[in-house]
Amino acid sequence: MEHNEKQRDTKKLTGIAARLNDLVDYQDGAVVSRTIIDKKTGTLTLFSFDEGQGLSEHTAPFDALVYILDGEAEVTISGNCLQLKEGVMVIMPANEPHALRAIKRFKMMLVMIKS
């Protein structure tokens, strides 16, 4: 999606009430993402993961907060494995290896603060 399309999509949400869970759909065998806010200072992105799907181990240069909106996920941070369910959050520290996997299909909000 081009930057202008992203801006239009985000503007549709500005000033209205919306349920985060309704802003991203599940897709069979896939990980789906939708960026809600994309600024120089940080991002807010919604994800849905079908059961068994995940993100392989990687690092990010900024702290990131993951909040589980629905379902159940396994989040591994520097070798420490956590099982998170709806309503639970975890902060993944900058530059620490982390990975996510859907135990059951799940939706999450990812908030990354860059400054």
PDB file of N, CA and C in Angstrom:
ATOM      1  N   MET A   1       0.848  -1.174   0.000  1.00  0.00           N
ATOM      2  CA  MET A   1       0.000   0.000   0.000  1.00  0.00           C
ATOM      3  C   MET A   1       0.893   1.235   0.000  1.00  0.00           C
ATOM      4  N   GLU A   2       0.622   2.163  -0.849  1.00  0.00           N
ATOM      5  CA  GLU A   2       1.403   3.381  -0.917  1.00  0.00           C
ATOM      6  C   GLU A   2       1.121   4.252   0.295  1.00  0.00           C
ATOM      7  N   HIS A   3       2.053   5.190   0.569  1.00  0.00           N
ATOM      8  CA  HIS A   3       1.937   6.045   1.749  1.00  0.00           C
ATOM      9  C   HIS A   3       0.631   6.837   1.733  1.00  0.00           C
ATOM     10  N   ASN A   4       0.220   7.404   0.585  1.00  0.00           N
ATOM     11  CA  ASN A   4      -1.018   8.178   0.512  1.00  0.00           C
ATOM     12  C   ASN A   4      -2.228   7.324   0.836  1.00  0.00           C
ATOM     13  N   GLU A   5      -2.227   6.060   0.384  1.00  0.00           N
ATOM     14  CA  GLU A   5      -3.334   5.151   0.703  1.00  0.00           C
ATOM     15  C   GLU A   5      -3.365   4.870   2.198  1.00  0.00           C
ATOM     16  N   LYS A   6      -2.200   4.711   2.807  1.00  0.00           N
ATOM     17  CA  LYS A   6      -2.128   4.494   4.249  1.00  0.00           C
ATOM     18  C   LYS A   6      -2.719   5.684   4.985  1.00  0.00           C
ATOM     19  N   GLN A   7      -2.373   6.888   4.559  1.00  0.00           N
ATOM     20  CA  GLN A   7      -2.894   8.086   5.209  1.00  0.00           C
ATOM     21  C   GLN A   7      -4.410   8.134   5.105  1.00  0.00           C
ATOM     22  N   ARG A   8      -4.966   7.830   3.934  1.00  0.00           N
ATOM     23  CA  ARG A   8      -6.422   7.850   3.760  1.00  0.00           C
ATOM     24  C   ARG A   8      -7.082   6.810   4.654  1.00  0.00           C
ATOM     25  N   ASP A   9      -6.497   5.613   4.730  1.00  0.00           N
ATOM     26  CA  ASP A   9      -7.055   4.548   5.551  1.00  0.00           C
ATOM     27  C   ASP A   9      -7.087   4.978   7.016  1.00  0.00           C
ATOM     28  N   THR A  10      -5.997   5.569   7.489  1.00  0.00           N
ATOM     29  CA  THR A  10      -5.919   6.028   8.876  1.00  0.00           C
ATOM     30  C   THR A  10      -6.907   7.163   9.124  1.00  0.00           C
ATOM     31  N   LYS A  11      -7.025   8.068   8.187  1.00  0.00           N
ATOM     32  CA  LYS A  11      -7.943   9.196   8.358  1.00  0.00           C
ATOM     33  C   LYS A  11      -9.385   8.732   8.496  1.00  0.00           C
ATOM     34  N   LYS A  12      -9.743   7.601   7.874  1.00  0.00           N
ATOM     35  CA  LYS A  12     -11.098   7.064   8.016  1.00  0.00           C
ATOM     36  C   LYS A  12     -11.397   6.713   9.468  1.00  0.00           C
ATOM     37  N   LEU A  13     -10.374   6.403  10.249  1.00  0.00           N
ATOM     38  CA  LEU A  13     -10.548   6.016  11.643  1.00  0.00           C
ATOM     39  C   LEU A  13     -10.475   7.201  12.600  1.00  0.00           C
ATOM     40  N   THR A  14      -9.953   8.314  12.148  1.00  0.00           N
ATOM     41  CA  THR A  14      -9.750   9.481  13.002  1.00  0.00           C
ATOM     42  C   THR A  14     -11.092  10.065  13.445  1.00  0.00           C
ATOM     43  N   GLY A  15     -11.235  10.231  14.753  1.00  0.00           N
ATOM     44  CA  GLY A  15     -12.430  10.861  15.302  1.00  0.00           C
ATOM     45  C   GLY A  15     -13.651   9.968  15.399  1.00  0.00           C
ATOM     46  N   ILE A  16     -13.479   8.656  15.182  1.00  0.00           N
ATOM     47  CA  ILE A  16     -14.607   7.738  15.335  1.00  0.00           C
ATOM     48  C   ILE A  16     -14.269   6.698  16.397  1.00  0.00           C
ATOM     49  N   ALA A  17     -15.308   6.111  16.959  1.00  0.00           N
ATOM     50  CA  ALA A  17     -15.110   5.017  17.910  1.00  0.00           C
ATOM     51  C   ALA A  17     -15.017   3.708  17.125  1.00  0.00           C
ATOM     52  N   ALA A  18     -14.036   2.888  17.465  1.00  0.00           N
ATOM     53  CA  ALA A  18     -13.852   1.620  16.761  1.00  0.00           C
ATOM     54  C   ALA A  18     -13.317   0.579  17.735  1.00  0.00           C
ATOM     55  N   ARG A  19     -13.727  -0.670  17.529  1.00  0.00           N
ATOM     56  CA  ARG A  19     -13.193  -1.787  18.315  1.00  0.00           C
ATOM     57  C   ARG A  19     -11.943  -2.307  17.606  1.00  0.00           C
ATOM     58  N   LEU A  20     -10.815  -2.335  18.312  1.00  0.00           N
ATOM     59  CA  LEU A  20      -9.562  -2.801  17.722  1.00  0.00           C
ATOM     60  C   LEU A  20      -9.721  -4.189  17.115  1.00  0.00           C
ATOM     61  N   ASN A  21     -10.440  -5.057  17.807  1.00  0.00           N
ATOM     62  CA  ASN A  21     -10.621  -6.434  17.355  1.00  0.00           C
ATOM     63  C   ASN A  21     -11.296  -6.519  15.987  1.00  0.00           C
ATOM     64  N   ASP A  22     -12.099  -5.507  15.650  1.00  0.00           N
ATOM     65  CA  ASP A  22     -12.829  -5.508  14.382  1.00  0.00           C
ATOM     66  C   ASP A  22     -12.025  -4.920  13.223  1.00  0.00           C
ATOM     67  N   LEU A  23     -10.852  -4.380  13.492  1.00  0.00           N
ATOM     68  CA  LEU A  23     -10.087  -3.667  12.462  1.00  0.00           C
ATOM     69  C   LEU A  23      -9.112  -4.548  11.695  1.00  0.00           C
ATOM     70  N   VAL A  24      -8.990  -5.810  12.085  1.00  0.00           N
ATOM     71  CA  VAL A  24      -8.144  -6.759  11.354  1.00  0.00           C
ATOM     72  C   VAL A  24      -8.840  -8.119  11.393  1.00  0.00           C
ATOM     73  N   ASP A  25      -8.873  -8.789  10.246  1.00  0.00           N
ATOM     74  CA  ASP A  25      -9.558 -10.075  10.135  1.00  0.00           C
ATOM     75  C   ASP A  25      -8.556 -11.226  10.092  1.00  0.00           C
ATOM     76  N   TYR A  26      -9.019 -12.404  10.475  1.00  0.00           N
ATOM     77  CA  TYR A  26      -8.220 -13.619  10.319  1.00  0.00           C
ATOM     78  C   TYR A  26      -8.247 -14.054   8.860  1.00  0.00           C
ATOM     79  N   GLN A  27      -7.143 -14.666   8.439  1.00  0.00           N
ATOM     80  CA  GLN A  27      -7.067 -15.266   7.109  1.00  0.00           C
ATOM     81  C   GLN A  27      -6.439 -16.642   7.271  1.00  0.00           C
ATOM     82  N   ASP A  28      -7.048 -17.671   6.691  1.00  0.00           N
ATOM     83  CA  ASP A  28      -6.556 -19.041   6.821  1.00  0.00           C
ATOM     84  C   ASP A  28      -5.095 -19.135   6.394  1.00  0.00           C
ATOM     85  N   GLY A  29      -4.268 -19.736   7.264  1.00  0.00           N
ATOM     86  CA  GLY A  29      -2.868 -19.998   6.952  1.00  0.00           C
ATOM     87  C   GLY A  29      -1.994 -18.774   6.807  1.00  0.00           C
ATOM     88  N   ALA A  30      -2.407 -17.648   7.401  1.00  0.00           N
ATOM     89  CA  ALA A  30      -1.661 -16.404   7.150  1.00  0.00           C
ATOM     90  C   ALA A  30      -1.540 -15.534   8.395  1.00  0.00           C
ATOM     91  N   VAL A  31      -0.617 -14.581   8.279  1.00  0.00           N
ATOM     92  CA  VAL A  31      -0.481 -13.487   9.228  1.00  0.00           C
ATOM     93  C   VAL A  31      -0.941 -12.243   8.481  1.00  0.00           C
ATOM     94  N   VAL A  32      -1.848 -11.485   9.086  1.00  0.00           N
ATOM     95  CA  VAL A  32      -2.380 -10.266   8.474  1.00  0.00           C
ATOM     96  C   VAL A  32      -2.005  -9.092   9.369  1.00  0.00           C
ATOM     97  N   SER A  33      -1.597  -7.980   8.758  1.00  0.00           N
ATOM     98  CA  SER A  33      -1.282  -6.789   9.545  1.00  0.00           C
ATOM     99  C   SER A  33      -2.005  -5.576   8.973  1.00  0.00           C
ATOM    100  N   ARG A  34      -2.297  -4.635   9.849  1.00  0.00           N
ATOM    101  CA  ARG A  34      -2.912  -3.365   9.450  1.00  0.00           C
ATOM    102  C   ARG A  34      -2.313  -2.258  10.308  1.00  0.00           C
ATOM    103  N   THR A  35      -1.639  -1.326   9.667  1.00  0.00           N
ATOM    104  CA  THR A  35      -1.048  -0.194  10.371  1.00  0.00           C
ATOM    105  C   THR A  35      -2.135   0.836  10.636  1.00  0.00           C
ATOM    106  N   ILE A  36      -2.280   1.216  11.888  1.00  0.00           N
ATOM    107  CA  ILE A  36      -3.284   2.195  12.298  1.00  0.00           C
ATOM    108  C   ILE A  36      -2.655   3.575  12.430  1.00  0.00           C
ATOM    109  N   ILE A  37      -1.463   3.642  13.021  1.00  0.00           N
ATOM    110  CA  ILE A  37      -0.716   4.898  13.156  1.00  0.00           C
ATOM    111  C   ILE A  37       0.714   4.638  12.717  1.00  0.00           C
ATOM    112  N   ASP A  38       1.232   5.523  11.883  1.00  0.00           N
ATOM    113  CA  ASP A  38       2.607   5.403  11.395  1.00  0.00           C
ATOM    114  C   ASP A  38       3.232   6.791  11.402  1.00  0.00           C
ATOM    115  N   LYS A  39       3.979   7.080  12.459  1.00  0.00           N
ATOM    116  CA  LYS A  39       4.620   8.388  12.647  1.00  0.00           C
ATOM    117  C   LYS A  39       6.119   8.187  12.842  1.00  0.00           C
ATOM    118  N   LYS A  40       6.873   9.259  12.697  1.00  0.00           N
ATOM    119  CA  LYS A  40       8.317   9.189  12.951  1.00  0.00           C
ATOM    120  C   LYS A  40       8.606   8.738  14.371  1.00  0.00           C
ATOM    121  N   THR A  41       7.714   9.077  15.294  1.00  0.00           N
ATOM    122  CA  THR A  41       7.930   8.767  16.706  1.00  0.00           C
ATOM    123  C   THR A  41       7.465   7.379  17.113  1.00  0.00           C
ATOM    124  N   GLY A  42       6.699   6.707  16.248  1.00  0.00           N
ATOM    125  CA  GLY A  42       6.267   5.361  16.582  1.00  0.00           C
ATOM    126  C   GLY A  42       5.125   4.877  15.716  1.00  0.00           C
ATOM    127  N   THR A  43       4.770   3.599  15.923  1.00  0.00           N
ATOM    128  CA  THR A  43       3.712   2.980  15.138  1.00  0.00           C
ATOM    129  C   THR A  43       2.764   2.198  16.037  1.00  0.00           C
ATOM    130  N   LEU A  44       1.541   2.032  15.541  1.00  0.00           N
ATOM    131  CA  LEU A  44       0.572   1.142  16.151  1.00  0.00           C
ATOM    132  C   LEU A  44       0.055   0.272  15.020  1.00  0.00           C
ATOM    133  N   THR A  45       0.270  -1.037  15.155  1.00  0.00           N
ATOM    134  CA  THR A  45      -0.101  -1.981  14.109  1.00  0.00           C
ATOM    135  C   THR A  45      -0.906  -3.108  14.724  1.00  0.00           C
ATOM    136  N   LEU A  46      -1.978  -3.511  14.039  1.00  0.00           N
ATOM    137  CA  LEU A  46      -2.774  -4.659  14.447  1.00  0.00           C
ATOM    138  C   LEU A  46      -2.373  -5.853  13.605  1.00  0.00           C
ATOM    139  N   PHE A  47      -2.339  -7.021  14.225  1.00  0.00           N
ATOM    140  CA  PHE A  47      -1.994  -8.266  13.536  1.00  0.00           C
ATOM    141  C   PHE A  47      -3.034  -9.328  13.865  1.00  0.00           C
ATOM    142  N   SER A  48      -3.256 -10.238  12.916  1.00  0.00           N
ATOM    143  CA  SER A  48      -3.976 -11.473  13.205  1.00  0.00           C
ATOM    144  C   SER A  48      -3.114 -12.621  12.697  1.00  0.00           C
ATOM    145  N   PHE A  49      -3.064 -13.689  13.480  1.00  0.00           N
ATOM    146  CA  PHE A  49      -2.263 -14.881  13.162  1.00  0.00           C
ATOM    147  C   PHE A  49      -3.188 -16.080  13.162  1.00  0.00           C
ATOM    148  N   ASP A  50      -3.201 -16.832  12.090  1.00  0.00           N
ATOM    149  CA  ASP A  50      -3.937 -18.088  12.095  1.00  0.00           C
ATOM    150  C   ASP A  50      -3.164 -19.084  12.964  1.00  0.00           C
ATOM    151  N   GLU A  51      -3.850 -20.091  13.485  1.00  0.00           N
ATOM    152  CA  GLU A  51      -3.212 -21.092  14.347  1.00  0.00           C
ATOM    153  C   GLU A  51      -1.972 -21.667  13.676  1.00  0.00           C
ATOM    154  N   GLY A  52      -0.863 -21.713  14.434  1.00  0.00           N
ATOM    155  CA  GLY A  52       0.396 -22.261  13.937  1.00  0.00           C
ATOM    156  C   GLY A  52       1.272 -21.253  13.209  1.00  0.00           C
ATOM    157  N   GLN A  53       0.722 -20.100  12.858  1.00  0.00           N
ATOM    158  CA  GLN A  53       1.502 -19.076  12.172  1.00  0.00           C
ATOM    159  C   GLN A  53       2.310 -18.273  13.186  1.00  0.00           C
ATOM    160  N   GLY A  54       3.343 -17.577  12.713  1.00  0.00           N
ATOM    161  CA  GLY A  54       4.141 -16.783  13.628  1.00  0.00           C
ATOM    162  C   GLY A  54       5.117 -15.886  12.913  1.00  0.00           C
ATOM    163  N   LEU A  55       5.916 -15.232  13.712  1.00  0.00           N
ATOM    164  CA  LEU A  55       7.035 -14.430  13.229  1.00  0.00           C
ATOM    165  C   LEU A  55       8.301 -15.041  13.801  1.00  0.00           C
ATOM    166  N   SER A  56       9.251 -15.353  12.930  1.00  0.00           N
ATOM    167  CA  SER A  56      10.491 -15.986  13.390  1.00  0.00           C
ATOM    168  C   SER A  56      11.305 -15.010  14.231  1.00  0.00           C
ATOM    169  N   GLU A  57      12.269 -15.562  14.937  1.00  0.00           N
ATOM    170  CA  GLU A  57      13.089 -14.757  15.834  1.00  0.00           C
ATOM    171  C   GLU A  57      13.768 -13.620  15.072  1.00  0.00           C
ATOM    172  N   HIS A  58      13.690 -12.431  15.657  1.00  0.00           N
ATOM    173  CA  HIS A  58      14.296 -11.236  15.074  1.00  0.00           C
ATOM    174  C   HIS A  58      14.519 -10.223  16.194  1.00  0.00           C
ATOM    175  N   THR A  59      15.151  -9.119  15.878  1.00  0.00           N
ATOM    176  CA  THR A  59      15.328  -8.029  16.831  1.00  0.00           C
ATOM    177  C   THR A  59      14.766  -6.755  16.221  1.00  0.00           C
ATOM    178  N   ALA A  60      14.500  -5.790  17.079  1.00  0.00           N
ATOM    179  CA  ALA A  60      14.048  -4.463  16.647  1.00  0.00           C
ATOM    180  C   ALA A  60      14.823  -3.429  17.455  1.00  0.00           C
ATOM    181  N   PRO A  61      15.094  -2.279  16.862  1.00  0.00           N
ATOM    182  CA  PRO A  61      15.904  -1.279  17.555  1.00  0.00           C
ATOM    183  C   PRO A  61      15.147  -0.475  18.610  1.00  0.00           C
ATOM    184  N   PHE A  62      13.848  -0.778  18.814  1.00  0.00           N
ATOM    185  CA  PHE A  62      13.033  -0.011  19.765  1.00  0.00           C
ATOM    186  C   PHE A  62      12.238  -0.964  20.640  1.00  0.00           C
ATOM    187  N   ASP A  63      11.881  -0.505  21.849  1.00  0.00           N
ATOM    188  CA  ASP A  63      10.966  -1.267  22.693  1.00  0.00           C
ATOM    189  C   ASP A  63       9.633  -1.401  21.968  1.00  0.00           C
ATOM    190  N   ALA A  64       8.961  -2.524  22.184  1.00  0.00           N
ATOM    191  CA  ALA A  64       7.650  -2.744  21.576  1.00  0.00           C
ATOM    192  C   ALA A  64       6.723  -3.388  22.603  1.00  0.00           C
ATOM    193  N   LEU A  65       5.495  -2.900  22.655  1.00  0.00           N
ATOM    194  CA  LEU A  65       4.480  -3.458  23.525  1.00  0.00           C
ATOM    195  C   LEU A  65       3.539  -4.305  22.685  1.00  0.00           C
ATOM    196  N   VAL A  66       3.305  -5.543  23.113  1.00  0.00           N
ATOM    197  CA  VAL A  66       2.349  -6.432  22.468  1.00  0.00           C
ATOM    198  C   VAL A  66       1.183  -6.619  23.436  1.00  0.00           C
ATOM    199  N   TYR A  67      -0.028  -6.387  22.936  1.00  0.00           N
ATOM    200  CA  TYR A  67      -1.249  -6.592  23.723  1.00  0.00           C
ATOM    201  C   TYR A  67      -2.132  -7.581  22.965  1.00  0.00           C
ATOM    202  N   ILE A  68      -2.488  -8.678  23.617  1.00  0.00           N
ATOM    203  CA  ILE A  68      -3.289  -9.719  22.978  1.00  0.00           C
ATOM    204  C   ILE A  68      -4.768  -9.327  23.047  1.00  0.00           C
ATOM    205  N   LEU A  69      -5.381  -9.177  21.873  1.00  0.00           N
ATOM    206  CA  LEU A  69      -6.778  -8.785  21.765  1.00  0.00           C
ATOM    207  C   LEU A  69      -7.718  -9.982  21.781  1.00  0.00           C
ATOM    208  N   ASP A  70      -7.220 -11.128  21.285  1.00  0.00           N
ATOM    209  CA  ASP A  70      -8.062 -12.309  21.112  1.00  0.00           C
ATOM    210  C   ASP A  70      -7.155 -13.523  20.959  1.00  0.00           C
ATOM    211  N   GLY A  71      -7.549 -14.666  21.487  1.00  0.00           N
ATOM    212  CA  GLY A  71      -6.807 -15.895  21.262  1.00  0.00           C
ATOM    213  C   GLY A  71      -5.659 -16.121  22.214  1.00  0.00           C
ATOM    214  N   GLU A  72      -4.660 -16.894  21.739  1.00  0.00           N
ATOM    215  CA  GLU A  72      -3.538 -17.293  22.597  1.00  0.00           C
ATOM    216  C   GLU A  72      -2.256 -17.380  21.788  1.00  0.00           C
ATOM    217  N   ALA A  73      -1.198 -16.774  22.331  1.00  0.00           N
ATOM    218  CA  ALA A  73       0.088 -16.708  21.632  1.00  0.00           C
ATOM    219  C   ALA A  73       1.223 -17.146  22.538  1.00  0.00           C
ATOM    220  N   GLU A  74       2.266 -17.634  21.894  1.00  0.00           N
ATOM    221  CA  GLU A  74       3.526 -17.913  22.568  1.00  0.00           C
ATOM    222  C   GLU A  74       4.501 -16.829  22.116  1.00  0.00           C
ATOM    223  N   VAL A  75       5.034 -16.094  23.078  1.00  0.00           N
ATOM    224  CA  VAL A  75       6.001 -15.039  22.784  1.00  0.00           C
ATOM    225  C   VAL A  75       7.304 -15.418  23.468  1.00  0.00           C
ATOM    226  N   THR A  76       8.370 -15.478  22.699  1.00  0.00           N
ATOM    227  CA  THR A  76       9.686 -15.810  23.242  1.00  0.00           C
ATOM    228  C   THR A  76      10.563 -14.570  23.156  1.00  0.00           C
ATOM    229  N   ILE A  77      11.132 -14.191  24.307  1.00  0.00           N
ATOM    230  CA  ILE A  77      12.018 -13.028  24.386  1.00  0.00           C
ATOM    231  C   ILE A  77      13.326 -13.499  25.003  1.00  0.00           C
ATOM    232  N   SER A  78      14.402 -13.408  24.238  1.00  0.00           N
ATOM    233  CA  SER A  78      15.727 -13.832  24.707  1.00  0.00           C
ATOM    234  C   SER A  78      15.683 -15.224  25.332  1.00  0.00           C
ATOM    235  N   GLY A  79      14.973 -16.149  24.689  1.00  0.00           N
ATOM    236  CA  GLY A  79      14.902 -17.530  25.148  1.00  0.00           C
ATOM    237  C   GLY A  79      13.851 -17.795  26.209  1.00  0.00           C
ATOM    238  N   ASN A  80      13.227 -16.757  26.755  1.00  0.00           N
ATOM    239  CA  ASN A  80      12.199 -16.909  27.775  1.00  0.00           C
ATOM    240  C   ASN A  80      10.833 -16.983  27.091  1.00  0.00           C
ATOM    241  N   CYS A  81      10.166 -18.139  27.233  1.00  0.00           N
ATOM    242  CA  CYS A  81       8.901 -18.387  26.544  1.00  0.00           C
ATOM    243  C   CYS A  81       7.717 -18.024  27.449  1.00  0.00           C
ATOM    244  N   LEU A  82       6.826 -17.179  26.931  1.00  0.00           N
ATOM    245  CA  LEU A  82       5.632 -16.747  27.655  1.00  0.00           C
ATOM    246  C   LEU A  82       4.395 -17.145  26.871  1.00  0.00           C
ATOM    247  N   GLN A  83       3.364 -17.611  27.575  1.00  0.00           N
ATOM    248  CA  GLN A  83       2.086 -17.874  26.925  1.00  0.00           C
ATOM    249  C   GLN A  83       1.136 -16.761  27.322  1.00  0.00           C
ATOM    250  N   LEU A  84       0.651 -16.032  26.307  1.00  0.00           N
ATOM    251  CA  LEU A  84      -0.209 -14.876  26.553  1.00  0.00           C
ATOM    252  C   LEU A  84      -1.595 -15.138  26.006  1.00  0.00           C
ATOM    253  N   LYS A  85      -2.605 -14.700  26.761  1.00  0.00           N
ATOM    254  CA  LYS A  85      -4.002 -14.834  26.351  1.00  0.00           C
ATOM    255  C   LYS A  85      -4.628 -13.446  26.276  1.00  0.00           C
ATOM    256  N   GLU A  86      -5.843 -13.419  25.779  1.00  0.00           N
ATOM    257  CA  GLU A  86      -6.591 -12.172  25.633  1.00  0.00           C
ATOM    258  C   GLU A  86      -6.502 -11.306  26.887  1.00  0.00           C
ATOM    259  N   GLY A  87      -6.213 -10.015  26.681  1.00  0.00           N
ATOM    260  CA  GLY A  87      -6.147  -9.061  27.780  1.00  0.00           C
ATOM    261  C   GLY A  87      -4.792  -8.939  28.443  1.00  0.00           C
ATOM    262  N   VAL A  88      -3.795  -9.683  27.951  1.00  0.00           N
ATOM    263  CA  VAL A  88      -2.458  -9.674  28.552  1.00  0.00           C
ATOM    264  C   VAL A  88      -1.476  -8.980  27.614  1.00  0.00           C
ATOM    265  N   MET A  89      -0.521  -8.278  28.196  1.00  0.00           N
ATOM    266  CA  MET A  89       0.489  -7.586  27.408  1.00  0.00           C
ATOM    267  C   MET A  89       1.884  -7.945  27.875  1.00  0.00           C
ATOM    268  N   VAL A  90       2.863  -7.672  27.003  1.00  0.00           N
ATOM    269  CA  VAL A  90       4.261  -7.844  27.354  1.00  0.00           C
ATOM    270  C   VAL A  90       5.051  -6.776  26.602  1.00  0.00           C
ATOM    271  N   ILE A  91       6.113  -6.311  27.212  1.00  0.00           N
ATOM    272  CA  ILE A  91       7.018  -5.379  26.542  1.00  0.00           C
ATOM    273  C   ILE A  91       8.234  -6.160  26.077  1.00  0.00           C
ATOM    274  N   MET A  92       8.519  -6.060  24.787  1.00  0.00           N
ATOM    275  CA  MET A  92       9.700  -6.697  24.209  1.00  0.00           C
ATOM    276  C   MET A  92      10.785  -5.625  24.127  1.00  0.00           C
ATOM    277  N   PRO A  93      11.882  -5.789  24.863  1.00  0.00           N
ATOM    278  CA  PRO A  93      12.908  -4.753  24.905  1.00  0.00           C
ATOM    279  C   PRO A  93      13.678  -4.627  23.590  1.00  0.00           C
ATOM    280  N   ALA A  94      14.119  -3.426  23.335  1.00  0.00           N
ATOM    281  CA  ALA A  94      14.917  -3.139  22.135  1.00  0.00           C
ATOM    282  C   ALA A  94      16.131  -4.046  22.082  1.00  0.00           C
ATOM    283  N   ASN A  95      16.471  -4.468  20.872  1.00  0.00           N
ATOM    284  CA  ASN A  95      17.677  -5.231  20.565  1.00  0.00           C
ATOM    285  C   ASN A  95      17.748  -6.620  21.204  1.00  0.00           C
ATOM    286  N   GLU A  96      16.638  -7.088  21.786  1.00  0.00           N
ATOM    287  CA  GLU A  96      16.581  -8.442  22.335  1.00  0.00           C
ATOM    288  C   GLU A  96      15.870  -9.344  21.324  1.00  0.00           C
ATOM    289  N   PRO A  97      16.388 -10.540  21.055  1.00  0.00           N
ATOM    290  CA  PRO A  97      15.720 -11.425  20.103  1.00  0.00           C
ATOM    291  C   PRO A  97      14.355 -11.865  20.629  1.00  0.00           C
ATOM    292  N   HIS A  98      13.370 -11.837  19.738  1.00  0.00           N
ATOM    293  CA  HIS A  98      12.019 -12.256  20.112  1.00  0.00           C
ATOM    294  C   HIS A  98      11.319 -12.903  18.918  1.00  0.00           C
ATOM    295  N   ALA A  99      10.314 -13.725  19.233  1.00  0.00           N
ATOM    296  CA  ALA A  99       9.528 -14.427  18.218  1.00  0.00           C
ATOM    297  C   ALA A  99       8.117 -14.593  18.753  1.00  0.00           C
ATOM    298  N   LEU A 100       7.157 -14.775  17.831  1.00  0.00           N
ATOM    299  CA  LEU A 100       5.760 -14.979  18.201  1.00  0.00           C
ATOM    300  C   LEU A 100       5.199 -16.146  17.414  1.00  0.00           C
ATOM    301  N   ARG A 101       4.307 -16.917  18.073  1.00  0.00           N
ATOM    302  CA  ARG A 101       3.663 -18.051  17.400  1.00  0.00           C
ATOM    303  C   ARG A 101       2.255 -18.201  17.954  1.00  0.00           C
ATOM    304  N   ALA A 102       1.324 -18.500  17.075  1.00  0.00           N
ATOM    305  CA  ALA A 102      -0.071 -18.676  17.473  1.00  0.00           C
ATOM    306  C   ALA A 102      -0.308 -20.078  18.004  1.00  0.00           C
ATOM    307  N   ILE A 103      -0.562 -20.202  19.301  1.00  0.00           N
ATOM    308  CA  ILE A 103      -0.984 -21.474  19.891  1.00  0.00           C
ATOM    309  C   ILE A 103      -2.403 -21.762  19.393  1.00  0.00           C
ATOM    310  N   LYS A 104      -3.264 -20.759  19.512  1.00  0.00           N
ATOM    311  CA  LYS A 104      -4.578 -20.720  18.882  1.00  0.00           C
ATOM    312  C   LYS A 104      -4.544 -19.436  18.064  1.00  0.00           C
ATOM    313  N   ARG A 105      -5.388 -19.322  17.078  1.00  0.00           N
ATOM    314  CA  ARG A 105      -5.340 -18.074  16.315  1.00  0.00           C
ATOM    315  C   ARG A 105      -5.507 -16.906  17.278  1.00  0.00           C
ATOM    316  N   PHE A 106      -4.794 -15.824  16.989  1.00  0.00           N
ATOM    317  CA  PHE A 106      -4.848 -14.679  17.891  1.00  0.00           C
ATOM    318  C   PHE A 106      -4.695 -13.377  17.124  1.00  0.00           C
ATOM    319  N   LYS A 107      -5.159 -12.309  17.797  1.00  0.00           N
ATOM    320  CA  LYS A 107      -4.986 -10.946  17.304  1.00  0.00           C
ATOM    321  C   LYS A 107      -4.211 -10.180  18.353  1.00  0.00           C
ATOM    322  N   MET A 108      -3.374  -9.268  17.874  1.00  0.00           N
ATOM    323  CA  MET A 108      -2.589  -8.463  18.807  1.00  0.00           C
ATOM    324  C   MET A 108      -2.449  -7.039  18.294  1.00  0.00           C
ATOM    325  N   MET A 109      -2.196  -6.146  19.230  1.00  0.00           N
ATOM    326  CA  MET A 109      -1.828  -4.779  18.921  1.00  0.00           C
ATOM    327  C   MET A 109      -0.349  -4.636  19.251  1.00  0.00           C
ATOM    328  N   LEU A 110       0.408  -4.104  18.320  1.00  0.00           N
ATOM    329  CA  LEU A 110       1.839  -3.860  18.520  1.00  0.00           C
ATOM    330  C   LEU A 110       2.052  -2.349  18.551  1.00  0.00           C
ATOM    331  N   VAL A 111       2.603  -1.845  19.643  1.00  0.00           N
ATOM    332  CA  VAL A 111       2.902  -0.423  19.775  1.00  0.00           C
ATOM    333  C   VAL A 111       4.414  -0.296  19.886  1.00  0.00           C
ATOM    334  N   MET A 112       5.015   0.415  18.936  1.00  0.00           N
ATOM    335  CA  MET A 112       6.458   0.624  18.944  1.00  0.00           C
ATOM    336  C   MET A 112       6.724   2.118  19.070  1.00  0.00           C
ATOM    337  N   ILE A 113       7.446   2.483  20.114  1.00  0.00           N
ATOM    338  CA  ILE A 113       7.809   3.880  20.358  1.00  0.00           C
ATOM    339  C   ILE A 113       9.261   4.066  19.927  1.00  0.00           C
ATOM    340  N   LYS A 114       9.469   5.012  19.017  1.00  0.00           N
ATOM    341  CA  LYS A 114      10.818   5.194  18.457  1.00  0.00           C
ATOM    342  C   LYS A 114      11.594   6.312  19.141  1.00  0.00           C
ATOM    343  N   SER A 115      10.903   7.196  19.852  1.00  0.00           N
ATOM    344  CA  SER A 115      11.631   8.268  20.537  1.00  0.00           C
ATOM    345  C   SER A 115      10.906   8.669  21.804  1.00  0.00           C
TER     346      SER A 115
END
